[in-house]
Amino acid sequence: MKKLILFAFSLLFYMGTSAQTLDVVAPEAVGLSGTRLANADRIIEQAIKDQTIPGAVLCVERHGKIGYLKAYGNKRVYPNTEKMTTNTVFDMASCSKAMSTATCAMILIDRGQLRLLDRVDQYVPGFENWKDTITGETEAIRIINLMTHTSGLPPYAPVQDLKKKYGSPNPKAVVDWISHCQRLYAPEKGWTYSCCNYIMLQQVIEKITGQSIQQFAHDNIFAPLGMRYTDYRPTKELAALCAPTEKQADGKCLLGVVHDPLACTMMAGLSGNAGLFSSAEDVATYCAAILNGGELNGKRILSPLAVKCMTTVPRSLEQFGHTPGWGNSTPYSSNLGDLLSSQAFGHTGYTGTSIVMDPANDVAIILLTNCVHPVDKGNVVRLRSLVANAVAGSILK
């Protein structure tokens, strides 16, 4: 009974309070047109009507304030229906790579504990570099290659094969497989979006800090910024606010458990490629700090130069269009839309999440959906781009 009362109290605390890190103001107070933002409403509502998504939360951050925050549709449609709310917590999927893993790495670079040019094998014993099978020539895979997806590592690891052979969860088996798997090409000779890159980056971060990525990210990003709804492996209280994702073989939908098979099955929910959960307001808080040069409300997580490094495509890798953490002009960057500046960058997540930031216009567009609920059939590529265009079209000054 005591546990039940404590849980109910904790849930009421989460639901009844807000971090209030960012002020919520009228669109016009930050140079947005409320009338033109109705175009975004129409687009999202049509996607719900078409059953592309069950629901969504749209948040627009500008000049350090939230100029638009709205929930649409339902967060659950199976086995019962629950309305979407603005404080719904989402499985951020691959947005975890940028919000957490890349940011953690940049914090270490900022502190002089890591270099972009450091070799991965300095931190992960047994990690194999690229080797030409004909000439025997080798070339080191470096941190910058992991962060920009130019390492030559494959996109993913064979989850079911690893589970069958080594059991699950088994993070060591994943790291060992990535360390020895066939490289697709020499570093910087191609671009392949890869979850393996960010799992290896996680290993580097944890080796340097002596902490799990969950603890290091909490202590150095989320807690300083007041992001109370953001974490890996949500507590029971936080999971109660989560949007469910895909229905499983037992008929139940995943709730507060990461959807990504590699992160869920083999990495026990703590993975560099996926696993973070967050709310729209928390993501907006993170974006406000990044767009403000790494600082918000007197709390600094990164230096201005570290932010610039993390959000700028390296000159030597311009043809690939990926910064050390974010997409700028990659095949996956359509969520940026057509109207924002060439400085815009962003990331997406398989579950239906999208983060877009444009320093030139000092705006962040956060669109969170759970398009894989109750079944994995929704395609939100076009939706993201249309919403980004509608929001960009609302910027009048």
Protein backbone atom coordinates (compact mmCIF):
# COMPACT_ATOMS: atom_id res chain seq x y z
CA MET A 1 0.00 0.00 0.00
CA LYS A 2 2.84 2.40 0.86
CA LYS A 3 4.47 1.73 -2.53
CA LEU A 4 1.17 2.39 -4.30
CA ILE A 5 0.68 5.70 -2.46
CA LEU A 6 4.27 6.74 -3.21
CA PHE A 7 3.83 5.90 -6.90
CA ALA A 8 0.59 7.87 -7.09
CA PHE A 9 2.22 10.85 -5.40
CA SER A 10 5.21 10.70 -7.74
CA LEU A 11 2.93 10.49 -10.78
CA LEU A 12 0.91 13.48 -9.63
CA PHE A 13 4.16 15.38 -9.15
CA TYR A 14 5.25 14.64 -12.72
CA MET A 15 1.85 15.40 -14.21
CA GLY A 16 0.98 18.42 -12.13
CA THR A 17 4.20 20.36 -12.42
CA SER A 18 6.35 21.67 -15.20
CA ALA A 19 10.07 22.26 -15.29
CA GLN A 20 9.25 25.80 -16.49
CA THR A 21 12.76 26.20 -17.85
CA LEU A 22 11.44 28.09 -20.87
CA ASP A 23 8.65 30.64 -20.87
CA VAL A 24 5.70 29.82 -23.11
CA VAL A 25 4.61 32.94 -24.99
CA ALA A 26 2.33 33.91 -27.85
CA PRO A 27 3.83 33.21 -31.30
CA GLU A 28 3.90 36.92 -32.13
CA ALA A 29 6.09 37.61 -29.08
CA VAL A 30 8.94 35.75 -30.81
CA GLY A 31 8.29 36.92 -34.36
CA LEU A 32 6.03 34.06 -35.44
CA SER A 33 2.62 34.32 -37.04
CA GLY A 34 -0.01 32.38 -35.13
CA THR A 35 -2.24 32.52 -38.17
CA ARG A 36 0.38 30.96 -40.41
CA LEU A 37 1.23 28.31 -37.80
CA ALA A 38 -2.30 27.02 -38.36
CA ASN A 39 -0.86 25.49 -41.54
CA ALA A 40 1.20 23.15 -39.35
CA ASP A 41 -1.96 22.24 -37.43
CA ARG A 42 -3.73 21.36 -40.66
CA ILE A 43 -0.84 19.18 -41.88
CA ILE A 44 -0.60 17.23 -38.63
CA GLU A 45 -4.36 16.82 -38.30
CA GLN A 46 -4.52 15.45 -41.85
CA ALA A 47 -1.77 12.93 -41.02
CA ILE A 48 -3.85 11.76 -38.06
CA LYS A 49 -6.95 11.52 -40.25
CA ASP A 50 -4.95 9.48 -42.78
CA GLN A 51 -3.80 7.22 -39.91
CA THR A 52 -0.16 7.98 -40.66
CA ILE A 53 0.26 8.80 -36.97
CA PRO A 54 -2.02 8.42 -33.93
CA GLY A 55 -0.98 11.79 -32.54
CA ALA A 56 1.81 14.32 -32.16
CA VAL A 57 3.26 17.17 -30.16
CA LEU A 58 4.66 20.20 -31.97
CA CYS A 59 6.91 22.64 -30.15
CA VAL A 60 8.58 25.71 -31.67
CA GLU A 61 11.35 27.35 -29.68
CA ARG A 62 12.64 30.77 -30.68
CA HIS A 63 14.79 33.38 -28.93
CA GLY A 64 14.94 31.22 -25.81
CA LYS A 65 11.16 30.95 -25.46
CA ILE A 66 8.48 28.52 -26.57
CA GLY A 67 6.35 30.28 -29.15
CA TYR A 68 4.15 27.32 -29.98
CA LEU A 69 3.28 24.15 -28.08
CA LYS A 70 0.38 21.95 -29.07
CA ALA A 71 -0.75 18.34 -28.73
CA TYR A 72 -2.76 16.57 -31.43
CA GLY A 73 -4.73 13.33 -31.57
CA ASN A 74 -4.00 10.39 -29.30
CA LYS A 75 -0.89 9.00 -27.69
CA ARG A 76 -2.51 5.56 -27.45
CA VAL A 77 -5.06 3.91 -29.72
CA TYR A 78 -4.63 0.28 -28.60
CA PRO A 79 -6.03 -1.47 -26.63
CA ASN A 80 -7.77 1.70 -25.44
CA THR A 81 -7.58 5.37 -26.41
CA GLU A 82 -5.67 8.07 -24.53
CA LYS A 83 -5.41 11.68 -25.61
CA MET A 84 -2.03 13.16 -26.47
CA THR A 85 -0.80 15.81 -24.02
CA THR A 86 2.02 18.32 -24.31
CA ASN A 87 3.92 16.63 -21.48
CA THR A 88 3.85 13.21 -23.14
CA VAL A 89 7.25 11.51 -23.05
CA PHE A 90 8.48 9.93 -26.28
CA ASP A 91 11.00 7.27 -27.23
CA MET A 92 13.44 9.59 -29.00
CA ALA A 93 15.04 6.69 -30.92
CA SER A 94 18.02 7.89 -33.01
CA CYS A 95 17.63 11.48 -31.82
CA SER A 96 19.47 10.02 -28.81
CA LYS A 97 22.63 10.02 -30.94
CA ALA A 98 22.65 13.81 -31.19
CA MET A 99 20.94 14.92 -27.97
CA SER A 100 22.95 12.63 -25.74
CA THR A 101 25.85 10.66 -27.24
CA ALA A 102 27.33 13.35 -29.50
CA THR A 103 26.78 16.02 -26.87
CA CYS A 104 28.55 13.90 -24.24
CA ALA A 105 31.50 13.44 -26.60
CA MET A 106 31.67 17.18 -27.26
CA ILE A 107 31.68 17.85 -23.51
CA LEU A 108 34.78 15.65 -23.23
CA ILE A 109 36.39 17.45 -26.17
CA ASP A 110 35.51 20.76 -24.51
CA ARG A 111 37.30 19.62 -21.34
CA GLY A 112 40.43 18.46 -23.11
CA GLN A 113 39.76 14.78 -22.42
CA LEU A 114 39.16 13.73 -26.03
CA ARG A 115 40.03 14.76 -29.60
CA LEU A 116 38.10 14.29 -32.79
CA LEU A 117 41.30 12.85 -34.27
CA ASP A 118 41.81 10.30 -31.49
CA ARG A 119 41.81 6.72 -32.71
CA VAL A 120 38.94 4.55 -31.53
CA ASP A 121 41.35 1.74 -30.65
CA GLN A 122 42.94 4.00 -28.02
CA TYR A 123 39.80 3.47 -25.95
CA VAL A 124 38.37 0.16 -27.14
CA PRO A 125 40.94 -2.65 -26.94
CA GLY A 126 40.74 -5.00 -29.91
CA PHE A 127 38.87 -2.55 -32.12
CA GLU A 128 40.09 -3.20 -35.65
CA ASN A 129 40.92 -0.42 -38.09
CA TRP A 130 40.32 -0.58 -41.81
CA LYS A 131 42.65 -2.90 -43.72
CA ASP A 132 43.00 -3.29 -47.47
CA THR A 133 42.63 -7.01 -48.12
CA ILE A 134 44.88 -6.82 -51.18
CA THR A 135 47.74 -4.52 -50.17
CA GLY A 136 47.51 -4.93 -46.41
CA GLU A 137 47.40 -1.15 -46.03
CA THR A 138 45.66 0.04 -42.84
CA GLU A 139 44.01 3.28 -41.83
CA ALA A 140 42.81 4.25 -38.37
CA ILE A 141 39.16 4.89 -37.63
CA ARG A 142 38.89 8.02 -35.51
CA ILE A 143 36.32 9.69 -33.28
CA ILE A 144 35.37 12.15 -36.01
CA ASN A 145 34.55 9.20 -38.29
CA LEU A 146 32.15 7.76 -35.73
CA MET A 147 30.45 11.11 -35.18
CA THR A 148 30.06 11.94 -38.88
CA HIS A 149 29.22 8.39 -40.06
CA THR A 150 32.34 8.19 -42.24
CA SER A 151 33.98 5.24 -40.44
CA GLY A 152 33.01 2.48 -42.86
CA LEU A 153 31.21 0.54 -40.13
CA PRO A 154 28.00 -1.20 -41.27
CA PRO A 155 24.60 0.34 -40.53
CA TYR A 156 23.50 -2.17 -37.89
CA ALA A 157 24.42 -5.35 -36.02
CA PRO A 158 22.68 -8.74 -36.47
CA VAL A 159 20.55 -8.68 -33.33
CA GLN A 160 18.94 -12.11 -33.58
CA ASP A 161 22.19 -13.84 -34.52
CA LEU A 162 23.98 -12.26 -31.57
CA LYS A 163 21.12 -13.07 -29.21
CA LYS A 164 21.06 -16.70 -30.33
CA LYS A 165 24.83 -17.11 -30.01
CA TYR A 166 25.59 -15.08 -26.87
CA GLY A 167 22.27 -14.51 -25.10
CA SER A 168 20.72 -11.18 -24.24
CA PRO A 169 21.21 -8.58 -23.05
CA ASN A 170 24.89 -8.73 -23.90
CA PRO A 171 26.53 -5.35 -24.63
CA LYS A 172 29.98 -6.96 -24.75
CA ALA A 173 28.92 -9.24 -27.60
CA VAL A 174 27.74 -6.20 -29.57
CA VAL A 175 30.96 -4.28 -28.98
CA ASP A 176 33.05 -7.33 -29.92
CA TRP A 177 31.05 -7.83 -33.11
CA ILE A 178 31.42 -4.19 -34.15
CA SER A 179 35.11 -4.25 -33.29
CA HIS A 180 35.77 -7.12 -35.70
CA CYS A 181 33.07 -6.85 -38.37
CA GLN A 182 33.82 -6.20 -42.04
CA ARG A 183 34.44 -2.51 -42.77
CA LEU A 184 32.61 -1.25 -45.84
CA TYR A 185 35.36 1.13 -46.97
CA ALA A 186 38.34 3.10 -45.70
CA PRO A 187 37.57 5.98 -43.31
CA GLU A 188 36.25 9.11 -45.06
CA LYS A 189 35.87 7.31 -48.40
CA GLY A 190 32.10 7.08 -48.04
CA TRP A 191 29.11 7.85 -45.83
CA THR A 192 26.88 5.24 -44.21
CA TYR A 193 24.42 6.12 -41.46
CA SER A 194 25.31 3.63 -38.76
CA CYS A 195 24.05 2.77 -35.30
CA CYS A 196 27.35 0.94 -34.81
CA ASN A 197 29.21 4.27 -34.91
CA TYR A 198 27.34 5.63 -31.92
CA ILE A 199 27.51 2.43 -29.90
CA MET A 200 31.29 2.62 -30.26
CA LEU A 201 31.23 6.32 -29.34
CA GLN A 202 29.33 5.34 -26.21
CA GLN A 203 32.15 2.95 -25.30
CA VAL A 204 34.69 5.76 -25.65
CA ILE A 205 32.63 8.09 -23.44
CA GLU A 206 32.15 5.46 -20.75
CA LYS A 207 35.83 4.49 -20.81
CA ILE A 208 36.96 8.10 -20.29
CA THR A 209 34.38 9.05 -17.67
CA GLY A 210 34.04 5.80 -15.76
CA GLN A 211 30.28 6.37 -15.84
CA SER A 212 27.41 4.95 -17.84
CA ILE A 213 26.17 7.19 -20.62
CA GLN A 214 22.94 7.50 -18.64
CA GLN A 215 24.71 8.93 -15.60
CA PHE A 216 27.13 11.16 -17.50
CA ALA A 217 24.39 12.63 -19.69
CA HIS A 218 22.16 13.22 -16.67
CA ASP A 219 24.87 14.92 -14.64
CA ASN A 220 26.27 17.05 -17.45
CA ILE A 221 23.33 17.80 -19.76
CA PHE A 222 19.86 17.02 -18.48
CA ALA A 223 20.12 17.94 -14.78
CA PRO A 224 21.95 21.26 -15.36
CA LEU A 225 19.32 22.29 -17.93
CA GLY A 226 16.39 21.21 -15.77
CA MET A 227 15.22 18.50 -18.18
CA ARG A 228 13.24 16.42 -15.66
CA TYR A 229 11.40 14.35 -18.25
CA THR A 230 14.53 13.12 -20.03
CA ASP A 231 16.32 9.87 -19.26
CA TYR A 232 17.24 6.39 -20.41
CA ARG A 233 15.28 3.44 -18.99
CA PRO A 234 12.40 5.53 -17.58
CA THR A 235 11.24 4.99 -14.03
CA LYS A 236 7.71 3.69 -13.49
CA GLU A 237 6.57 7.26 -12.87
CA LEU A 238 8.11 8.57 -16.08
CA ALA A 239 6.92 5.57 -18.07
CA ALA A 240 3.35 6.44 -17.06
CA LEU A 241 3.72 9.60 -19.17
CA CYS A 242 5.20 7.78 -22.17
CA ALA A 243 3.58 7.33 -25.54
CA PRO A 244 3.46 3.60 -26.30
CA THR A 245 5.13 2.26 -29.41
CA GLU A 246 4.74 -1.01 -31.29
CA LYS A 247 2.51 -3.91 -30.29
CA GLN A 248 4.57 -7.00 -29.44
CA ALA A 249 3.93 -10.71 -29.94
CA ASP A 250 2.26 -10.91 -26.52
CA GLY A 251 -0.29 -8.31 -27.60
CA LYS A 252 1.12 -5.59 -25.35
CA CYS A 253 2.64 -2.35 -26.63
CA LEU A 254 6.09 -1.25 -25.57
CA LEU A 255 5.80 1.46 -22.93
CA GLY A 256 8.85 3.15 -21.47
CA VAL A 257 11.02 0.52 -23.16
CA VAL A 258 13.19 1.49 -26.12
CA HIS A 259 11.78 0.34 -29.46
CA ASP A 260 15.11 -0.09 -31.26
CA PRO A 261 15.90 -3.85 -31.33
CA LEU A 262 19.65 -3.46 -30.83
CA ALA A 263 19.29 -1.03 -27.93
CA CYS A 264 16.46 -3.02 -26.35
CA THR A 265 17.48 -6.63 -26.83
CA MET A 266 21.28 -6.51 -26.68
CA MET A 267 22.18 -3.23 -24.94
CA ALA A 268 19.62 -3.39 -22.10
CA GLY A 269 18.24 0.05 -22.93
CA LEU A 270 21.53 1.90 -22.46
CA SER A 271 22.89 2.42 -25.94
CA GLY A 272 24.68 5.13 -27.85
CA ASN A 273 22.39 4.75 -30.84
CA ALA A 274 18.99 4.92 -29.12
CA GLY A 275 17.29 4.66 -25.74
CA LEU A 276 16.68 8.24 -24.63
CA PHE A 277 13.16 9.32 -23.67
CA SER A 278 12.10 12.95 -23.54
CA SER A 279 9.23 15.43 -23.82
CA ALA A 280 8.78 18.26 -26.32
CA GLU A 281 9.46 20.95 -23.72
CA ASP A 282 12.63 19.21 -22.55
CA VAL A 283 13.88 18.89 -26.12
CA ALA A 284 13.11 22.58 -26.62
CA THR A 285 15.15 23.36 -23.52
CA TYR A 286 18.11 21.47 -24.93
CA CYS A 287 17.71 23.25 -28.28
CA ALA A 288 17.54 26.65 -26.58
CA ALA A 289 20.87 25.94 -24.88
CA ILE A 290 22.50 24.85 -28.14
CA LEU A 291 21.17 27.86 -30.05
CA ASN A 292 22.41 30.08 -27.22
CA GLY A 293 25.99 28.87 -27.56
CA GLY A 294 25.75 26.04 -25.02
CA GLU A 295 24.28 27.95 -22.08
CA LEU A 296 20.81 28.47 -20.65
CA ASN A 297 19.71 30.27 -17.49
CA GLY A 298 23.28 30.52 -16.25
CA LYS A 299 23.98 26.80 -16.76
CA ARG A 300 26.57 26.01 -19.41
CA ILE A 301 26.88 22.53 -20.90
CA LEU A 302 29.20 23.42 -23.81
CA SER A 303 31.39 26.31 -24.86
CA PRO A 304 30.30 28.38 -27.88
CA LEU A 305 33.19 26.95 -29.90
CA ALA A 306 32.23 23.38 -28.99
CA VAL A 307 28.66 24.07 -30.13
CA LYS A 308 29.97 25.50 -33.40
CA CYS A 309 32.15 22.42 -33.92
CA MET A 310 29.29 20.02 -33.19
CA THR A 311 26.88 21.79 -35.54
CA THR A 312 29.18 22.54 -38.49
CA VAL A 313 30.12 20.10 -41.24
CA PRO A 314 33.93 19.62 -41.16
CA ARG A 315 35.58 21.16 -44.23
CA SER A 316 37.31 17.90 -45.13
CA LEU A 317 33.95 16.08 -45.09
CA GLU A 318 31.71 18.67 -46.74
CA GLN A 319 30.62 16.27 -49.47
CA PHE A 320 28.92 14.08 -46.86
CA GLY A 321 26.89 16.83 -45.16
CA HIS A 322 27.06 15.55 -41.59
CA THR A 323 28.38 17.45 -38.58
CA PRO A 324 29.87 15.68 -35.55
CA GLY A 325 26.37 14.79 -34.38
CA TRP A 326 23.79 16.31 -36.71
CA GLY A 327 22.59 16.05 -40.30
CA ASN A 328 22.89 19.15 -42.48
CA SER A 329 22.64 17.94 -46.06
CA THR A 330 22.64 14.15 -45.89
CA PRO A 331 20.09 11.81 -47.50
CA TYR A 332 18.35 11.83 -44.09
CA SER A 333 18.05 15.63 -43.79
CA SER A 334 14.69 16.16 -45.47
CA ASN A 335 13.19 16.95 -42.05
CA LEU A 336 14.86 20.37 -42.37
CA GLY A 337 12.34 21.30 -45.05
CA ASP A 338 13.01 23.75 -47.87
CA LEU A 339 12.93 27.22 -46.33
CA LEU A 340 15.43 27.31 -43.48
CA SER A 341 18.99 28.54 -43.89
CA SER A 342 21.98 26.51 -45.05
CA GLN A 343 23.12 26.50 -41.40
CA ALA A 344 20.13 24.40 -40.32
CA PHE A 345 20.79 20.96 -38.87
CA GLY A 346 18.70 18.23 -37.33
CA HIS A 347 18.09 14.60 -36.50
CA THR A 348 15.25 12.13 -36.71
CA GLY A 349 14.23 8.98 -34.87
CA TYR A 350 12.63 5.83 -36.26
CA THR A 351 9.72 6.03 -33.81
CA GLY A 352 8.62 9.31 -35.45
CA THR A 353 10.66 11.98 -33.70
CA SER A 354 12.33 14.99 -35.31
CA ILE A 355 14.52 17.85 -34.11
CA VAL A 356 15.42 20.78 -36.36
CA MET A 357 17.54 23.80 -35.41
CA ASP A 358 18.47 26.84 -37.49
CA PRO A 359 20.99 29.22 -35.89
CA ALA A 360 20.48 31.83 -38.61
CA ASN A 361 16.82 32.19 -37.66
CA ASP A 362 17.29 31.24 -33.99
CA VAL A 363 14.54 28.67 -34.20
CA ALA A 364 14.04 25.04 -33.21
CA ILE A 365 11.22 22.86 -34.54
CA ILE A 366 10.43 19.78 -32.48
CA LEU A 367 7.89 17.34 -33.90
CA LEU A 368 7.32 14.24 -31.79
CA THR A 369 5.07 11.40 -32.94
CA ASN A 370 4.82 7.69 -32.19
CA CYS A 371 4.20 6.57 -35.76
CA VAL A 372 5.09 2.95 -34.93
CA HIS A 373 2.02 2.64 -32.66
CA PRO A 374 0.24 0.32 -32.62
CA VAL A 375 1.93 -1.20 -35.68
CA ASP A 376 5.04 -0.15 -37.56
CA LYS A 377 3.51 1.13 -40.78
CA GLY A 378 3.65 4.93 -40.62
CA ASN A 379 6.03 6.91 -42.84
CA VAL A 380 6.55 10.44 -41.53
CA VAL A 381 9.34 11.58 -43.88
CA ARG A 382 7.05 13.88 -45.86
CA LEU A 383 5.13 15.00 -42.77
CA ARG A 384 8.30 16.22 -41.07
CA SER A 385 9.32 18.27 -44.08
CA LEU A 386 5.87 19.79 -44.54
CA VAL A 387 5.68 20.80 -40.89
CA ALA A 388 9.17 22.32 -41.02
CA ASN A 389 8.09 24.35 -44.05
CA ALA A 390 4.90 25.53 -42.35
CA VAL A 391 6.79 26.62 -39.24
CA ALA A 392 9.52 28.31 -41.28
CA GLY A 393 6.79 30.08 -43.23
CA SER A 394 5.45 31.51 -39.98
CA ILE A 395 8.71 33.35 -39.22
CA LEU A 396 7.96 36.97 -40.08
CA LYS A 397 10.63 38.86 -38.16
